Amino acid sequence: MIANEQTTLSQSDQSVQARYLSATGDQEGADLLNQQVSAAQEIQQLQDNWRSFLGDNFADNVTYQQQLADLEKTQNAERLQIQQEYQEKALEAQEEYQSEANEKLESVFDSLDTYEKGLTTSDASPLSVADQYKAANDNLHTDYQAALGGNYDALAALQTDMQTFLSLSQKYNGNGAAYVSDFNMVQTIVKALGGMDLTKVQTDVLNKIQQEQSDGLATLASLLQDLLKTSVAQLQETRFQAEKDAAA
């Protein structure tokens, strides 16, 4: 009798400890401790039931032993389930942190790539205006051909390529016939992009999504939506700007 009361008091204290663990953020510890208390209570209840049936010698009964073994096996499985659930949550959180870190790193390297590509045509370039103009022309046509081939990154870079090329053309050629020719060429490119078959570009986007998913990056839906929205917006803005300049 005294032993049972002591056990009850101990379990009550453990329940309080579990509440404290939960309140201080250790929910896994709280769940495990609650499961431990519940398991002990179930075993105690099983023993009390058999004691009231067979007396103090109930522990020798084969049926009791089998029921106790089944109960302990079930309790161990339940405890393992709790541990596995929290391990999975911890793994998901780690993957999320890793994904966020990868996205930040990718963004940094994308920015560096863009910066490096524009260095030869920037104000900081040591090249002459003529050489910058040639480099801008090369960049524009390289990305244009790649975009026609279905390269999304090239398609996304074209608006900047065209703006840089026209700016350098005007600086190099003034407002003469050569600049007008370059302007007309850019308009032709914009019109060609507006009517291009996007099937290959969509395939390239999907390939990027699949690769990024395998690396733990963005989900299929969000990345596809972002990439396609950006592509359409850039094409519309470029077309609008060219038509506006032509009407001026």
Protein backbone atom coordinates (compact mmCIF):
# COMPACT_ATOMS: atom_id res chain seq x y z
CA MET A 1 0.00 0.00 0.00
CA ILE A 2 2.75 2.42 0.97
CA ALA A 3 4.72 1.46 -2.15
CA ASN A 4 1.73 2.27 -4.35
CA GLU A 5 1.28 5.66 -2.68
CA GLN A 6 4.95 6.43 -3.15
CA THR A 7 4.67 5.44 -6.80
CA THR A 8 1.64 7.70 -7.23
CA LEU A 9 3.48 10.64 -5.66
CA SER A 10 6.51 10.00 -7.87
CA GLN A 11 4.37 9.89 -10.98
CA SER A 12 2.63 13.10 -9.98
CA ASP A 13 6.01 14.78 -9.65
CA GLN A 14 7.06 13.45 -13.07
CA SER A 15 3.89 14.88 -14.60
CA VAL A 16 4.79 18.29 -13.17
CA GLN A 17 8.29 17.92 -14.60
CA ALA A 18 6.77 17.11 -18.01
CA ARG A 19 4.66 20.27 -17.84
CA TYR A 20 7.80 22.26 -17.04
CA LEU A 21 9.65 20.74 -19.99
CA SER A 22 6.77 21.63 -22.29
CA ALA A 23 6.59 25.19 -20.93
CA THR A 24 10.32 25.70 -21.47
CA GLY A 25 10.31 24.44 -25.05
CA ASP A 26 11.36 20.81 -24.67
CA GLN A 27 8.20 19.23 -26.02
CA GLU A 28 9.95 16.01 -26.97
CA GLY A 29 11.22 15.57 -23.43
CA ALA A 30 7.75 16.31 -22.09
CA ASP A 31 6.08 13.80 -24.41
CA LEU A 32 8.59 11.11 -23.53
CA LEU A 33 8.22 11.72 -19.81
CA ASN A 34 4.42 11.68 -20.08
CA GLN A 35 4.62 8.44 -22.03
CA GLN A 36 6.88 7.00 -19.33
CA VAL A 37 4.38 7.93 -16.60
CA SER A 38 1.47 6.58 -18.62
CA ALA A 39 3.33 3.33 -19.29
CA ALA A 40 4.10 2.85 -15.59
CA GLN A 41 0.46 3.48 -14.71
CA GLU A 42 -0.73 0.93 -17.27
CA ILE A 43 1.64 -1.70 -15.90
CA GLN A 44 0.55 -0.90 -12.35
CA GLN A 45 -3.10 -1.20 -13.37
CA LEU A 46 -2.45 -4.56 -15.03
CA GLN A 47 -0.70 -5.84 -11.91
CA ASP A 48 -3.48 -4.58 -9.62
CA ASN A 49 -6.09 -6.32 -11.77
CA TRP A 50 -4.26 -9.65 -11.65
CA ARG A 51 -3.49 -9.31 -7.94
CA SER A 52 -7.17 -8.83 -7.19
CA PHE A 53 -7.88 -11.94 -9.28
CA LEU A 54 -5.11 -14.34 -8.17
CA GLY A 55 -3.54 -12.73 -5.14
CA ASP A 56 0.14 -11.94 -4.65
CA ASN A 57 1.28 -14.93 -6.69
CA PHE A 58 -0.20 -13.55 -9.94
CA ALA A 59 3.26 -12.91 -11.39
CA ASP A 60 3.75 -16.65 -11.99
CA ASN A 61 0.69 -16.84 -14.23
CA VAL A 62 1.58 -17.47 -17.89
CA THR A 63 -1.31 -15.41 -19.21
CA TYR A 64 -0.29 -12.45 -17.06
CA GLN A 65 3.28 -12.77 -18.27
CA GLN A 66 2.10 -12.75 -21.88
CA GLN A 67 -0.12 -9.72 -21.32
CA LEU A 68 2.73 -7.89 -19.59
CA ALA A 69 5.09 -8.70 -22.49
CA ASP A 70 2.52 -7.46 -25.02
CA LEU A 71 1.95 -4.28 -23.04
CA GLU A 72 5.66 -3.53 -22.71
CA LYS A 73 6.20 -4.26 -26.40
CA THR A 74 3.42 -1.83 -27.30
CA GLN A 75 4.76 0.83 -24.95
CA ASN A 76 8.26 0.52 -26.39
CA ALA A 77 6.83 0.90 -29.91
CA GLU A 78 4.92 4.01 -28.83
CA ARG A 79 8.04 5.51 -27.26
CA LEU A 80 10.02 4.78 -30.40
CA GLN A 81 7.29 6.42 -32.47
CA ILE A 82 7.55 9.61 -30.42
CA GLN A 83 11.32 9.67 -30.84
CA GLN A 84 11.08 9.05 -34.58
CA GLU A 85 8.51 11.81 -35.04
CA TYR A 86 10.77 14.35 -33.38
CA GLN A 87 13.79 13.10 -35.31
CA GLU A 88 11.86 13.60 -38.54
CA LYS A 89 10.86 17.11 -37.48
CA ALA A 90 14.48 17.91 -36.65
CA LEU A 91 15.59 16.59 -40.03
CA GLU A 92 12.94 18.65 -41.82
CA ALA A 93 14.08 21.75 -39.96
CA GLN A 94 17.71 21.04 -40.85
CA GLU A 95 16.80 20.58 -44.51
CA GLU A 96 14.87 23.85 -44.44
CA TYR A 97 17.88 25.68 -42.97
CA GLN A 98 20.14 24.06 -45.56
CA SER A 99 17.76 25.03 -48.34
CA GLU A 100 17.71 28.64 -47.15
CA ALA A 101 21.50 28.70 -46.97
CA ASN A 102 21.76 27.24 -50.48
CA GLU A 103 19.35 29.84 -51.83
CA LYS A 104 21.38 32.65 -50.31
CA LEU A 105 24.61 31.25 -51.70
CA GLU A 106 23.04 30.77 -55.12
CA SER A 107 21.78 34.35 -55.06
CA VAL A 108 25.26 35.63 -54.22
CA PHE A 109 26.91 33.68 -57.02
CA ASP A 110 24.21 34.70 -59.49
CA SER A 111 24.87 38.33 -58.59
CA LEU A 112 28.60 37.80 -59.03
CA ASP A 113 28.05 36.17 -62.43
CA THR A 114 25.88 39.08 -63.54
CA TYR A 115 28.44 41.58 -62.26
CA GLU A 116 31.31 39.80 -64.00
CA LYS A 117 29.40 39.65 -67.27
CA GLY A 118 28.68 43.39 -67.20
CA LEU A 119 32.16 44.50 -66.20
CA THR A 120 33.46 44.89 -69.76
CA THR A 121 30.59 47.22 -70.68
CA SER A 122 30.35 49.13 -67.39
CA ASP A 123 31.60 52.63 -66.58
CA ALA A 124 34.45 50.99 -64.67
CA SER A 125 35.70 49.12 -67.76
CA PRO A 126 39.17 50.08 -69.05
CA LEU A 127 38.05 49.25 -72.61
CA SER A 128 37.47 51.97 -75.14
CA VAL A 129 33.89 52.85 -76.05
CA ALA A 130 34.39 51.01 -79.34
CA ASP A 131 35.50 47.84 -77.57
CA GLN A 132 32.67 48.11 -75.04
CA TYR A 133 30.21 48.54 -77.90
CA LYS A 134 31.59 45.41 -79.58
CA ALA A 135 31.43 43.44 -76.32
CA ALA A 136 27.83 44.53 -75.72
CA ASN A 137 26.93 43.48 -79.25
CA ASP A 138 28.57 40.08 -78.69
CA ASN A 139 26.74 39.61 -75.36
CA LEU A 140 23.41 40.52 -76.94
CA HIS A 141 23.71 38.14 -79.86
CA THR A 142 25.12 35.31 -77.73
CA ASP A 143 22.22 35.50 -75.30
CA TYR A 144 19.70 36.00 -78.11
CA GLN A 145 20.78 32.83 -79.87
CA ALA A 146 20.85 30.93 -76.58
CA ALA A 147 17.34 32.19 -75.75
CA LEU A 148 16.04 31.04 -79.12
CA GLY A 149 17.54 27.66 -78.26
CA GLY A 150 15.50 27.53 -75.06
CA ASN A 151 17.94 28.84 -72.44
CA TYR A 152 15.96 30.58 -69.72
CA ASP A 153 18.94 32.37 -68.15
CA ALA A 154 19.83 33.88 -71.52
CA LEU A 155 16.23 34.97 -72.06
CA ALA A 156 16.16 36.62 -68.64
CA ALA A 157 19.40 38.52 -69.42
CA LEU A 158 18.28 39.90 -72.78
CA GLN A 159 16.54 43.02 -71.52
CA THR A 160 19.72 44.18 -69.78
CA ASP A 161 21.77 43.17 -72.82
CA MET A 162 19.59 45.28 -75.14
CA GLN A 163 19.57 48.30 -72.87
CA THR A 164 23.36 48.17 -72.45
CA PHE A 165 23.90 47.70 -76.18
CA LEU A 166 21.68 50.65 -77.16
CA SER A 167 23.26 52.89 -74.53
CA LEU A 168 26.76 52.11 -75.83
CA SER A 169 25.63 52.38 -79.45
CA GLN A 170 24.35 55.87 -78.80
CA LYS A 171 27.56 56.78 -77.00
CA TYR A 172 29.68 55.36 -79.82
CA ASN A 173 27.56 56.23 -82.88
CA GLY A 174 25.72 59.28 -81.62
CA ASN A 175 22.22 59.60 -83.04
CA GLY A 176 23.31 58.83 -86.58
CA ALA A 177 22.33 56.12 -89.00
CA ALA A 178 24.39 53.45 -87.21
CA TYR A 179 22.48 54.00 -83.99
CA VAL A 180 19.15 53.93 -85.82
CA SER A 181 20.21 50.64 -87.38
CA ASP A 182 21.08 49.20 -83.98
CA PHE A 183 17.78 50.42 -82.55
CA ASN A 184 15.85 48.79 -85.38
CA MET A 185 17.80 45.58 -84.81
CA VAL A 186 16.79 45.56 -81.12
CA GLN A 187 13.17 46.10 -82.11
CA THR A 188 13.42 43.13 -84.45
CA ILE A 189 14.83 41.00 -81.62
CA VAL A 190 12.01 42.05 -79.29
CA LYS A 191 9.38 41.15 -81.89
CA ALA A 192 11.07 37.81 -82.51
CA LEU A 193 11.09 37.06 -78.79
CA GLY A 194 7.43 37.96 -78.53
CA GLY A 195 6.55 35.36 -81.13
CA MET A 196 9.01 32.64 -80.16
CA ASP A 197 8.00 29.11 -79.21
CA LEU A 198 8.34 28.88 -75.42
CA THR A 199 8.30 25.08 -75.33
CA LYS A 200 12.08 24.78 -75.08
CA VAL A 201 12.26 27.53 -72.46
CA GLN A 202 9.61 25.79 -70.38
CA THR A 203 11.60 22.57 -70.64
CA ASP A 204 14.70 24.40 -69.43
CA VAL A 205 12.73 25.85 -66.52
CA LEU A 206 11.43 22.41 -65.55
CA ASN A 207 14.96 20.98 -65.72
CA LYS A 208 16.16 23.72 -63.39
CA ILE A 209 13.31 22.99 -61.00
CA GLN A 210 14.12 19.28 -60.93
CA GLN A 211 17.80 19.99 -60.32
CA GLU A 212 17.08 22.48 -57.55
CA GLN A 213 14.63 20.10 -55.92
CA SER A 214 17.30 17.40 -55.82
CA ASP A 215 19.61 19.89 -54.11
CA GLY A 216 16.97 20.79 -51.57
CA LEU A 217 16.07 24.16 -53.08
CA ALA A 218 12.69 25.59 -54.10
CA THR A 219 9.51 23.60 -54.58
CA LEU A 220 8.19 22.90 -58.05
CA ALA A 221 5.15 25.17 -57.88
CA SER A 222 6.81 28.27 -56.42
CA LEU A 223 9.89 28.17 -58.63
CA LEU A 224 7.93 27.52 -61.82
CA GLN A 225 5.60 30.38 -61.02
CA ASP A 226 8.44 32.79 -60.22
CA LEU A 227 10.47 31.93 -63.29
CA LEU A 228 7.59 32.15 -65.75
CA LYS A 229 6.24 35.37 -64.21
CA THR A 230 9.68 36.98 -64.46
CA SER A 231 10.11 35.86 -68.05
CA VAL A 232 6.74 37.20 -69.19
CA ALA A 233 7.19 40.48 -67.30
CA GLN A 234 10.61 41.08 -68.84
CA LEU A 235 9.36 40.40 -72.36
CA GLN A 236 6.39 42.72 -71.89
CA GLU A 237 8.53 45.50 -70.43
CA THR A 238 11.10 45.23 -73.21
CA ARG A 239 8.43 45.26 -75.91
CA PHE A 240 6.71 48.27 -74.31
CA GLN A 241 9.95 50.24 -74.00
CA ALA A 242 10.93 49.56 -77.62
CA GLU A 243 7.51 50.61 -78.91
CA LYS A 244 7.62 53.73 -76.74
CA ASP A 245 11.05 54.71 -78.06
CA ALA A 246 9.97 54.07 -81.64
CA ALA A 247 6.95 56.33 -81.24
CA ALA A 248 9.03 59.15 -79.76
